[in-house]
C-alpha cells in the first residue's frame, strides 16, 4: 500500500498551514494546534510519552516560519517562537487535520 504524502505544503499569512495530499484531500491546519502537537523530546517525555510542553508558553499568535522535508516520512517546521526540533510524520499531520483546534 502506498503511503499518502503531501503534494504541496503552504504557509498562509493568516497562520494556517495548507496541505494538498497525494489522494487529492486538502487540509488547512491551525498553526498553534500543530505547534502544540510537536512530537519532539523537548515537548514529550521520551520514556512516558507524556506531553511536557506548557501550552501557556506557546504564543496564541505563533506561526510556522518555514518547513522542510524530513526523509520520505515527514516534515519539520521552524516556528515564530524559535522552536524547530519536531519531526511531524505525515500520518500525524493527517490526524491533526481531523481534530478540533487546541485550546489553552
PDB file of N, CA and C in Angstrom:
ATOM      1  N   UNK A   1       0.841  -1.189   0.000  1.00  0.00           N
ATOM      2  CA  UNK A   1       0.000   0.000   0.000  1.00  0.00           C
ATOM      3  C   UNK A   1       0.883   1.248   0.000  1.00  0.00           C
ATOM      4  N   UNK A   2       0.544   2.209  -0.832  1.00  0.00           N
ATOM      5  CA  UNK A   2       1.302   3.439  -0.949  1.00  0.00           C
ATOM      6  C   UNK A   2       0.875   4.419   0.141  1.00  0.00           C
ATOM      7  N   UNK A   3       1.868   5.002   0.795  1.00  0.00           N
ATOM      8  CA  UNK A   3       1.565   5.983   1.839  1.00  0.00           C
ATOM      9  C   UNK A   3       1.075   7.278   1.205  1.00  0.00           C
ATOM     10  N   UNK A   4       0.068   7.870   1.812  1.00  0.00           N
ATOM     11  CA  UNK A   4      -0.427   9.166   1.359  1.00  0.00           C
ATOM     12  C   UNK A   4       0.566  10.219   1.834  1.00  0.00           C
ATOM     13  N   UNK A   5       0.995  11.057   0.895  1.00  0.00           N
ATOM     14  CA  UNK A   5       2.023  12.052   1.188  1.00  0.00           C
ATOM     15  C   UNK A   5       1.561  13.434   0.719  1.00  0.00           C
ATOM     16  N   UNK A   6       2.137  14.469   1.286  1.00  0.00           N
ATOM     17  CA  UNK A   6       1.796  15.810   0.807  1.00  0.00           C
ATOM     18  C   UNK A   6       2.307  16.021  -0.620  1.00  0.00           C
ATOM     19  N   UNK A   7       1.472  16.607  -1.433  1.00  0.00           N
ATOM     20  CA  UNK A   7       1.890  17.037  -2.758  1.00  0.00           C
ATOM     21  C   UNK A   7       2.353  18.494  -2.692  1.00  0.00           C
ATOM     22  N   UNK A   8       1.720  19.245  -1.785  1.00  0.00           N
ATOM     23  CA  UNK A   8       2.092  20.654  -1.611  1.00  0.00           C
ATOM     24  C   UNK A   8       1.795  21.061  -0.173  1.00  0.00           C
ATOM     25  N   UNK A   9       2.704  21.849   0.392  1.00  0.00           N
ATOM     26  CA  UNK A   9       2.510  22.434   1.722  1.00  0.00           C
ATOM     27  C   UNK A   9       2.728  23.931   1.577  1.00  0.00           C
ATOM     28  N   UNK A  10       1.815  24.702   2.139  1.00  0.00           N
ATOM     29  CA  UNK A  10       1.915  26.150   2.046  1.00  0.00           C
ATOM     30  C   UNK A  10       1.608  26.771   3.406  1.00  0.00           C
ATOM     31  N   UNK A  11       2.376  27.780   3.754  1.00  0.00           N
ATOM     32  CA  UNK A  11       2.131  28.541   4.985  1.00  0.00           C
ATOM     33  C   UNK A  11       1.467  29.851   4.570  1.00  0.00           C
ATOM     34  N   UNK A  12       0.257  30.076   5.057  1.00  0.00           N
ATOM     35  CA  UNK A  12      -0.507  31.255   4.676  1.00  0.00           C
ATOM     36  C   UNK A  12      -0.266  32.400   5.661  1.00  0.00           C
ATOM     37  N   UNK A  13      -0.429  33.656   5.200  1.00  0.00           N
ATOM     38  CA  UNK A  13      -0.220  34.813   6.076  1.00  0.00           C
ATOM     39  C   UNK A  13      -1.102  34.801   7.325  1.00  0.00           C
ATOM     40  N   UNK A  14      -2.280  34.181   7.256  1.00  0.00           N
ATOM     41  CA  UNK A  14      -3.173  34.152   8.418  1.00  0.00           C
ATOM     42  C   UNK A  14      -2.757  33.103   9.445  1.00  0.00           C
ATOM     43  N   UNK A  15      -1.665  32.375   9.178  1.00  0.00           N
ATOM     44  CA  UNK A  15      -1.157  31.396  10.128  1.00  0.00           C
ATOM     45  C   UNK A  15      -1.551  29.964   9.830  1.00  0.00           C
ATOM     46  N   UNK A  16      -2.475  29.758   8.901  1.00  0.00           N
ATOM     47  CA  UNK A  16      -2.851  28.391   8.558  1.00  0.00           C
ATOM     48  C   UNK A  16      -1.748  27.702   7.766  1.00  0.00           C
ATOM     49  N   UNK A  17      -1.698  26.385   7.931  1.00  0.00           N
ATOM     50  CA  UNK A  17      -0.794  25.557   7.145  1.00  0.00           C
ATOM     51  C   UNK A  17      -1.683  24.744   6.210  1.00  0.00           C
ATOM     52  N   UNK A  18      -1.521  24.955   4.915  1.00  0.00           N
ATOM     53  CA  UNK A  18      -2.322  24.240   3.931  1.00  0.00           C
ATOM     54  C   UNK A  18      -1.552  23.052   3.384  1.00  0.00           C
ATOM     55  N   UNK A  19      -2.220  21.922   3.286  1.00  0.00           N
ATOM     56  CA  UNK A  19      -1.590  20.720   2.740  1.00  0.00           C
ATOM     57  C   UNK A  19      -2.519  20.118   1.694  1.00  0.00           C
ATOM     58  N   UNK A  20      -1.973  19.884   0.501  1.00  0.00           N
ATOM     59  CA  UNK A  20      -2.670  19.133  -0.534  1.00  0.00           C
ATOM     60  C   UNK A  20      -2.003  17.769  -0.570  1.00  0.00           C
ATOM     61  N   UNK A  21      -2.801  16.716  -0.362  1.00  0.00           N
ATOM     62  CA  UNK A  21      -2.291  15.350  -0.256  1.00  0.00           C
ATOM     63  C   UNK A  21      -2.332  14.629  -1.598  1.00  0.00           C
ATOM     64  N   UNK A  22      -1.558  13.575  -1.682  1.00  0.00           N
ATOM     65  CA  UNK A  22      -1.475  12.781  -2.911  1.00  0.00           C
ATOM     66  C   UNK A  22      -2.806  12.130  -3.292  1.00  0.00           C
ATOM     67  N   UNK A  23      -3.729  12.008  -2.345  1.00  0.00           N
ATOM     68  CA  UNK A  23      -5.052  11.447  -2.654  1.00  0.00           C
ATOM     69  C   UNK A  23      -6.067  12.537  -3.016  1.00  0.00           C
ATOM     70  N   UNK A  24      -5.590  13.796  -3.130  1.00  0.00           N
ATOM     71  CA  UNK A  24      -6.451  14.903  -3.521  1.00  0.00           C
ATOM     72  C   UNK A  24      -7.076  15.665  -2.368  1.00  0.00           C
ATOM     73  N   UNK A  25      -7.020  15.136  -1.162  1.00  0.00           N
ATOM     74  CA  UNK A  25      -7.590  15.818   0.002  1.00  0.00           C
ATOM     75  C   UNK A  25      -6.790  17.092   0.277  1.00  0.00           C
ATOM     76  N   UNK A  26      -7.491  18.141   0.687  1.00  0.00           N
ATOM     77  CA  UNK A  26      -6.857  19.398   1.093  1.00  0.00           C
ATOM     78  C   UNK A  26      -7.199  19.660   2.546  1.00  0.00           C
ATOM     79  N   UNK A  27      -6.177  19.983   3.328  1.00  0.00           N
ATOM     80  CA  UNK A  27      -6.380  20.292   4.742  1.00  0.00           C
ATOM     81  C   UNK A  27      -5.780  21.647   5.054  1.00  0.00           C
ATOM     82  N   UNK A  28      -6.391  22.346   6.009  1.00  0.00           N
ATOM     83  CA  UNK A  28      -5.902  23.632   6.489  1.00  0.00           C
ATOM     84  C   UNK A  28      -5.812  23.524   8.000  1.00  0.00           C
ATOM     85  N   UNK A  29      -4.593  23.557   8.498  1.00  0.00           N
ATOM     86  CA  UNK A  29      -4.357  23.334   9.924  1.00  0.00           C
ATOM     87  C   UNK A  29      -4.032  24.643  10.629  1.00  0.00           C
ATOM     88  N   UNK A  30      -4.578  24.795  11.813  1.00  0.00           N
ATOM     89  CA  UNK A  30      -4.280  25.921  12.683  1.00  0.00           C
ATOM     90  C   UNK A  30      -2.838  25.782  13.176  1.00  0.00           C
ATOM     91  N   UNK A  31      -2.014  26.802  12.946  1.00  0.00           N
ATOM     92  CA  UNK A  31      -0.593  26.718  13.278  1.00  0.00           C
ATOM     93  C   UNK A  31      -0.359  26.415  14.755  1.00  0.00           C
ATOM     94  N   UNK A  32      -1.098  27.039  15.639  1.00  0.00           N
ATOM     95  CA  UNK A  32      -0.876  26.804  17.070  1.00  0.00           C
ATOM     96  C   UNK A  32      -1.197  25.364  17.454  1.00  0.00           C
ATOM     97  N   UNK A  33      -2.240  24.814  16.863  1.00  0.00           N
ATOM     98  CA  UNK A  33      -2.577  23.414  17.147  1.00  0.00           C
ATOM     99  C   UNK A  33      -1.454  22.480  16.714  1.00  0.00           C
ATOM    100  N   UNK A  34      -0.855  22.768  15.568  1.00  0.00           N
ATOM    101  CA  UNK A  34       0.264  21.950  15.087  1.00  0.00           C
ATOM    102  C   UNK A  34       1.465  22.129  16.009  1.00  0.00           C
ATOM    103  N   UNK A  35       1.745  23.365  16.403  1.00  0.00           N
ATOM    104  CA  UNK A  35       2.881  23.621  17.313  1.00  0.00           C
ATOM    105  C   UNK A  35       2.676  22.895  18.639  1.00  0.00           C
ATOM    106  N   UNK A  36       1.458  22.928  19.175  1.00  0.00           N
ATOM    107  CA  UNK A  36       1.182  22.272  20.455  1.00  0.00           C
ATOM    108  C   UNK A  36       1.283  20.755  20.365  1.00  0.00           C
ATOM    109  N   UNK A  37       1.171  20.217  19.170  1.00  0.00           N
ATOM    110  CA  UNK A  37       1.265  18.766  18.968  1.00  0.00           C
ATOM    111  C   UNK A  37       2.688  18.319  18.651  1.00  0.00           C
ATOM    112  N   UNK A  38       3.661  19.198  18.827  1.00  0.00           N
ATOM    113  CA  UNK A  38       5.049  18.856  18.494  1.00  0.00           C
ATOM    114  C   UNK A  38       5.454  17.549  19.183  1.00  0.00           C
ATOM    115  N   UNK A  39       5.994  16.604  18.414  1.00  0.00           N
ATOM    116  CA  UNK A  39       6.355  15.305  18.981  1.00  0.00           C
ATOM    117  C   UNK A  39       7.810  15.190  19.446  1.00  0.00           C
ATOM    118  N   UNK A  40       8.545  16.297  19.498  1.00  0.00           N
ATOM    119  CA  UNK A  40       9.975  16.204  19.836  1.00  0.00           C
ATOM    120  C   UNK A  40      10.193  15.886  21.321  1.00  0.00           C
ATOM    121  N   UNK A  41      11.408  15.491  21.646  1.00  0.00           N
ATOM    122  CA  UNK A  41      11.751  15.115  23.023  1.00  0.00           C
ATOM    123  C   UNK A  41      11.668  16.297  23.990  1.00  0.00           C
ATOM    124  N   UNK A  42      11.731  17.514  23.481  1.00  0.00           N
ATOM    125  CA  UNK A  42      11.578  18.678  24.339  1.00  0.00           C
ATOM    126  C   UNK A  42      10.126  18.974  24.697  1.00  0.00           C
ATOM    127  N   UNK A  43       9.199  18.409  23.930  1.00  0.00           N
ATOM    128  CA  UNK A  43       7.775  18.651  24.140  1.00  0.00           C
ATOM    129  C   UNK A  43       7.026  17.432  24.669  1.00  0.00           C
ATOM    130  N   UNK A  44       7.649  16.255  24.566  1.00  0.00           N
ATOM    131  CA  UNK A  44       7.044  14.997  25.009  1.00  0.00           C
ATOM    132  C   UNK A  44       8.107  14.186  25.742  1.00  0.00           C
ATOM    133  N   UNK A  45       7.787  13.684  26.920  1.00  0.00           N
ATOM    134  CA  UNK A  45       8.724  12.837  27.661  1.00  0.00           C
ATOM    135  C   UNK A  45       8.973  11.555  26.864  1.00  0.00           C
ATOM    136  N   UNK A  46      10.235  11.304  26.543  1.00  0.00           N
ATOM    137  CA  UNK A  46      10.582  10.147  25.709  1.00  0.00           C
ATOM    138  C   UNK A  46      10.250   8.811  26.360  1.00  0.00           C
ATOM    139  N   UNK A  47      10.297   8.735  27.658  1.00  0.00           N
ATOM    140  CA  UNK A  47      10.061   7.469  28.354  1.00  0.00           C
ATOM    141  C   UNK A  47       8.571   7.181  28.567  1.00  0.00           C
ATOM    142  N   UNK A  48       7.810   8.221  28.895  1.00  0.00           N
ATOM    143  CA  UNK A  48       6.396   8.001  29.226  1.00  0.00           C
ATOM    144  C   UNK A  48       5.440   8.385  28.102  1.00  0.00           C
ATOM    145  N   UNK A  49       5.907   9.226  27.176  1.00  0.00           N
ATOM    146  CA  UNK A  49       5.030   9.723  26.126  1.00  0.00           C
ATOM    147  C   UNK A  49       4.139  10.857  26.598  1.00  0.00           C
ATOM    148  N   UNK A  50       4.316  11.284  27.854  1.00  0.00           N
ATOM    149  CA  UNK A  50       3.510  12.374  28.423  1.00  0.00           C
ATOM    150  C   UNK A  50       3.950  13.707  27.823  1.00  0.00           C
ATOM    151  N   UNK A  51       2.979  14.512  27.441  1.00  0.00           N
ATOM    152  CA  UNK A  51       3.279  15.833  26.886  1.00  0.00           C
ATOM    153  C   UNK A  51       3.832  16.725  27.989  1.00  0.00           C
ATOM    154  N   UNK A  52       4.993  17.324  27.758  1.00  0.00           N
ATOM    155  CA  UNK A  52       5.624  18.201  28.744  1.00  0.00           C
ATOM    156  C   UNK A  52       5.574  19.670  28.327  1.00  0.00           C
ATOM    157  N   UNK A  53       5.183  19.932  27.106  1.00  0.00           N
ATOM    158  CA  UNK A  53       5.084  21.303  26.624  1.00  0.00           C
ATOM    159  C   UNK A  53       3.978  22.029  27.381  1.00  0.00           C
ATOM    160  N   UNK A  54       4.309  23.183  27.950  1.00  0.00           N
ATOM    161  CA  UNK A  54       3.329  24.019  28.641  1.00  0.00           C
ATOM    162  C   UNK A  54       2.645  24.896  27.593  1.00  0.00           C
ATOM    163  N   UNK A  55       1.395  24.604  27.298  1.00  0.00           N
ATOM    164  CA  UNK A  55       0.660  25.328  26.258  1.00  0.00           C
ATOM    165  C   UNK A  55       0.612  26.830  26.528  1.00  0.00           C
ATOM    166  N   UNK A  56       0.630  27.221  27.788  1.00  0.00           N
ATOM    167  CA  UNK A  56       0.583  28.646  28.134  1.00  0.00           C
ATOM    168  C   UNK A  56       1.837  29.386  27.674  1.00  0.00           C
ATOM    169  N   UNK A  57       2.911  28.647  27.418  1.00  0.00           N
ATOM    170  CA  UNK A  57       4.161  29.280  26.972  1.00  0.00           C
ATOM    171  C   UNK A  57       4.248  29.415  25.454  1.00  0.00           C
ATOM    172  N   UNK A  58       3.273  28.868  24.757  1.00  0.00           N
ATOM    173  CA  UNK A  58       3.234  28.985  23.296  1.00  0.00           C
ATOM    174  C   UNK A  58       2.320  30.160  22.951  1.00  0.00           C
ATOM    175  N   UNK A  59       2.863  31.199  22.301  1.00  0.00           N
ATOM    176  CA  UNK A  59       2.046  32.375  21.998  1.00  0.00           C
ATOM    177  C   UNK A  59       0.799  32.023  21.188  1.00  0.00           C
ATOM    178  N   UNK A  60      -0.282  32.721  21.465  1.00  0.00           N
ATOM    179  CA  UNK A  60      -1.535  32.485  20.742  1.00  0.00           C
ATOM    180  C   UNK A  60      -1.374  32.757  19.249  1.00  0.00           C
ATOM    181  N   UNK A  61      -0.460  33.656  18.908  1.00  0.00           N
ATOM    182  CA  UNK A  61      -0.268  34.020  17.501  1.00  0.00           C
ATOM    183  C   UNK A  61       0.945  33.341  16.863  1.00  0.00           C
ATOM    184  N   UNK A  62       1.403  32.219  17.444  1.00  0.00           N
ATOM    185  CA  UNK A  62       2.555  31.510  16.880  1.00  0.00           C
ATOM    186  C   UNK A  62       2.237  31.089  15.440  1.00  0.00           C
ATOM    187  N   UNK A  63       3.226  31.206  14.574  1.00  0.00           N
ATOM    188  CA  UNK A  63       3.058  30.795  13.181  1.00  0.00           C
ATOM    189  C   UNK A  63       4.259  29.972  12.747  1.00  0.00           C
ATOM    190  N   UNK A  64       4.047  29.194  11.715  1.00  0.00           N
ATOM    191  CA  UNK A  64       5.160  28.488  11.089  1.00  0.00           C
ATOM    192  C   UNK A  64       5.883  29.498  10.203  1.00  0.00           C
ATOM    193  N   UNK A  65       7.201  29.557  10.337  1.00  0.00           N
ATOM    194  CA  UNK A  65       8.013  30.468   9.539  1.00  0.00           C
ATOM    195  C   UNK A  65       8.431  29.781   8.246  1.00  0.00           C
ATOM    196  N   UNK A  66       8.784  28.506   8.359  1.00  0.00           N
ATOM    197  CA  UNK A  66       9.199  27.724   7.198  1.00  0.00           C
ATOM    198  C   UNK A  66       9.013  26.244   7.507  1.00  0.00           C
ATOM    199  N   UNK A  67       9.154  25.429   6.490  1.00  0.00           N
ATOM    200  CA  UNK A  67       9.078  23.981   6.674  1.00  0.00           C
ATOM    201  C   UNK A  67      10.109  23.333   5.763  1.00  0.00           C
ATOM    202  N   UNK A  68      10.507  22.123   6.109  1.00  0.00           N
ATOM    203  CA  UNK A  68      11.417  21.350   5.267  1.00  0.00           C
ATOM    204  C   UNK A  68      11.085  19.873   5.359  1.00  0.00           C
ATOM    205  N   UNK A  69      11.310  19.148   4.262  1.00  0.00           N
ATOM    206  CA  UNK A  69      11.037  17.712   4.274  1.00  0.00           C
ATOM    207  C   UNK A  69      12.026  16.972   5.163  1.00  0.00           C
ATOM    208  N   UNK A  70      11.572  15.891   5.756  1.00  0.00           N
ATOM    209  CA  UNK A  70      12.435  15.007   6.548  1.00  0.00           C
ATOM    210  C   UNK A  70      12.273  13.611   5.951  1.00  0.00           C
ATOM    211  N   UNK A  71      13.285  13.164   5.254  1.00  0.00           N
ATOM    212  CA  UNK A  71      13.220  11.850   4.623  1.00  0.00           C
ATOM    213  C   UNK A  71      11.994  11.718   3.736  1.00  0.00           C
ATOM    214  N   UNK A  72      11.425  10.534   3.725  1.00  0.00           N
ATOM    215  CA  UNK A  72      10.235  10.240   2.928  1.00  0.00           C
ATOM    216  C   UNK A  72       8.992  10.094   3.802  1.00  0.00           C
ATOM    217  N   UNK A  73       9.078  10.592   5.057  1.00  0.00           N
ATOM    218  CA  UNK A  73       8.002  10.293   6.005  1.00  0.00           C
ATOM    219  C   UNK A  73       7.463  11.483   6.773  1.00  0.00           C
ATOM    220  N   UNK A  74       8.067  12.650   6.660  1.00  0.00           N
ATOM    221  CA  UNK A  74       7.575  13.757   7.460  1.00  0.00           C
ATOM    222  C   UNK A  74       8.162  15.097   7.072  1.00  0.00           C
ATOM    223  N   UNK A  75       7.833  16.096   7.877  1.00  0.00           N
ATOM    224  CA  UNK A  75       8.344  17.449   7.692  1.00  0.00           C
ATOM    225  C   UNK A  75       8.699  18.034   9.054  1.00  0.00           C
ATOM    226  N   UNK A  76       9.535  19.047   9.019  1.00  0.00           N
ATOM    227  CA  UNK A  76       9.804  19.807  10.240  1.00  0.00           C
ATOM    228  C   UNK A  76       9.437  21.260   9.956  1.00  0.00           C
ATOM    229  N   UNK A  77       9.021  21.944  10.999  1.00  0.00           N
ATOM    230  CA  UNK A  77       8.657  23.352  10.889  1.00  0.00           C
ATOM    231  C   UNK A  77       9.591  24.176  11.756  1.00  0.00           C
ATOM    232  N   UNK A  78       9.885  25.371  11.302  1.00  0.00           N
ATOM    233  CA  UNK A  78      10.508  26.376  12.167  1.00  0.00           C
ATOM    234  C   UNK A  78       9.367  27.299  12.566  1.00  0.00           C
ATOM    235  N   UNK A  79       9.244  27.523  13.888  1.00  0.00           N
ATOM    236  CA  UNK A  79       8.129  28.295  14.427  1.00  0.00           C
ATOM    237  C   UNK A  79       8.566  29.691  14.827  1.00  0.00           C
ATOM    238  N   UNK A  80       7.634  30.626  14.841  1.00  0.00           N
ATOM    239  CA  UNK A  80       7.931  32.010  15.210  1.00  0.00           C
ATOM    240  C   UNK A  80       8.362  32.152  16.664  1.00  0.00           C
ATOM    241  N   UNK A  81       8.116  31.120  17.503  1.00  0.00           N
ATOM    242  CA  UNK A  81       8.591  31.166  18.893  1.00  0.00           C
ATOM    243  C   UNK A  81      10.009  30.608  19.023  1.00  0.00           C
ATOM    244  N   UNK A  82      10.646  30.278  17.891  1.00  0.00           N
ATOM    245  CA  UNK A  82      12.027  29.805  17.903  1.00  0.00           C
ATOM    246  C   UNK A  82      12.177  28.293  17.918  1.00  0.00           C
ATOM    247  N   UNK A  83      11.094  27.566  18.128  1.00  0.00           N
ATOM    248  CA  UNK A  83      11.174  26.104  18.198  1.00  0.00           C
ATOM    249  C   UNK A  83      11.343  25.528  16.798  1.00  0.00           C
ATOM    250  N   UNK A  84      12.134  24.443  16.688  1.00  0.00           N
ATOM    251  CA  UNK A  84      12.341  23.860  15.366  1.00  0.00           C
ATOM    252  C   UNK A  84      12.749  22.397  15.385  1.00  0.00           C
ATOM    253  N   UNK A  85      12.627  21.708  16.493  1.00  0.00           N
ATOM    254  CA  UNK A  85      13.171  20.347  16.567  1.00  0.00           C
ATOM    255  C   UNK A  85      12.163  19.229  16.318  1.00  0.00           C
ATOM    256  N   UNK A  86      10.905  19.533  16.134  1.00  0.00           N
ATOM    257  CA  UNK A  86       9.911  18.476  15.935  1.00  0.00           C
ATOM    258  C   UNK A  86       9.895  17.930  14.517  1.00  0.00           C
ATOM    259  N   UNK A  87       9.725  16.634  14.399  1.00  0.00           N
ATOM    260  CA  UNK A  87       9.514  15.988  13.104  1.00  0.00           C
ATOM    261  C   UNK A  87       8.078  15.471  13.099  1.00  0.00           C
ATOM    262  N   UNK A  88       7.291  16.023  12.203  1.00  0.00           N
ATOM    263  CA  UNK A  88       5.876  15.672  12.096  1.00  0.00           C
ATOM    264  C   UNK A  88       5.703  14.639  10.991  1.00  0.00           C
ATOM    265  N   UNK A  89       5.398  13.411  11.383  1.00  0.00           N
ATOM    266  CA  UNK A  89       5.131  12.367  10.387  1.00  0.00           C
ATOM    267  C   UNK A  89       3.864  12.745   9.620  1.00  0.00           C
ATOM    268  N   UNK A  90       3.800  12.311   8.367  1.00  0.00           N
ATOM    269  CA  UNK A  90       2.628  12.623   7.552  1.00  0.00           C
ATOM    270  C   UNK A  90       1.345  12.147   8.226  1.00  0.00           C
ATOM    271  N   UNK A  91       1.387  10.970   8.828  1.00  0.00           N
ATOM    272  CA  UNK A  91       0.195  10.428   9.500  1.00  0.00           C
ATOM    273  C   UNK A  91      -0.267  11.346  10.633  1.00  0.00           C
ATOM    274  N   UNK A  92       0.668  11.954  11.362  1.00  0.00           N
ATOM    275  CA  UNK A  92       0.304  12.877  12.437  1.00  0.00           C
ATOM    276  C   UNK A  92      -0.379  14.114  11.861  1.00  0.00           C
ATOM    277  N   UNK A  93       0.142  14.651  10.771  1.00  0.00           N
ATOM    278  CA  UNK A  93      -0.478  15.827  10.169  1.00  0.00           C
ATOM    279  C   UNK A  93      -1.895  15.521   9.689  1.00  0.00           C
ATOM    280  N   UNK A  94      -2.106  14.348   9.130  1.00  0.00           N
ATOM    281  CA  UNK A  94      -3.460  13.952   8.707  1.00  0.00           C
ATOM    282  C   UNK A  94      -4.386  13.851   9.919  1.00  0.00           C
ATOM    283  N   UNK A  95      -3.869  13.285  10.987  1.00  0.00           N
ATOM    284  CA  UNK A  95      -4.653  13.156  12.221  1.00  0.00           C
ATOM    285  C   UNK A  95      -5.009  14.534  12.783  1.00  0.00           C
ATOM    286  N   UNK A  96      -4.040  15.445  12.800  1.00  0.00           N
ATOM    287  CA  UNK A  96      -4.289  16.793  13.319  1.00  0.00           C
ATOM    288  C   UNK A  96      -5.336  17.522  12.483  1.00  0.00           C
ATOM    289  N   UNK A  97      -5.352  17.259  11.194  1.00  0.00           N
ATOM    290  CA  UNK A  97      -6.321  17.915  10.313  1.00  0.00           C
ATOM    291  C   UNK A  97      -7.747  17.487  10.634  1.00  0.00           C
ATOM    292  N   UNK A  98      -7.903  16.331  11.212  1.00  0.00           N
ATOM    293  CA  UNK A  98      -9.230  15.814  11.552  1.00  0.00           C
ATOM    294  C   UNK A  98      -9.657  16.167  12.972  1.00  0.00           C
ATOM    295  N   UNK A  99      -8.740  16.732  13.751  1.00  0.00           N
ATOM    296  CA  UNK A  99      -9.011  17.046  15.161  1.00  0.00           C
ATOM    297  C   UNK A  99      -9.415  18.512  15.313  1.00  0.00           C
ATOM    298  N   UNK A 100     -10.224  18.827  16.328  1.00  0.00           N
ATOM    299  CA  UNK A 100     -10.549  20.230  16.591  1.00  0.00           C
ATOM    300  C   UNK A 100      -9.306  20.974  17.083  1.00  0.00           C
ATOM    301  N   UNK A 101      -9.211  22.296  16.848  1.00  0.00           N
ATOM    302  CA  UNK A 101      -8.056  23.070  17.304  1.00  0.00           C
ATOM    303  C   UNK A 101      -7.850  22.982  18.813  1.00  0.00           C
ATOM    304  N   UNK A 102      -6.583  23.020  19.223  1.00  0.00           N
ATOM    305  CA  UNK A 102      -6.220  23.005  20.651  1.00  0.00           C
ATOM    306  C   UNK A 102      -6.621  24.322  21.292  1.00  0.00           C
ATOM    307  N   UNK A 103      -7.000  24.250  22.514  1.00  0.00           N
ATOM    308  CA  UNK A 103      -7.301  25.459  23.307  1.00  0.00           C
ATOM    309  C   UNK A 103      -6.439  25.413  24.560  1.00  0.00           C
ATOM    310  N   UNK A 104      -6.038  26.596  25.022  1.00  0.00           N
ATOM    311  CA  UNK A 104      -5.257  26.611  26.274  1.00  0.00           C
ATOM    312  C   UNK A 104      -5.911  27.491  27.299  1.00  0.00           C
TER     313      UNK A 104
END
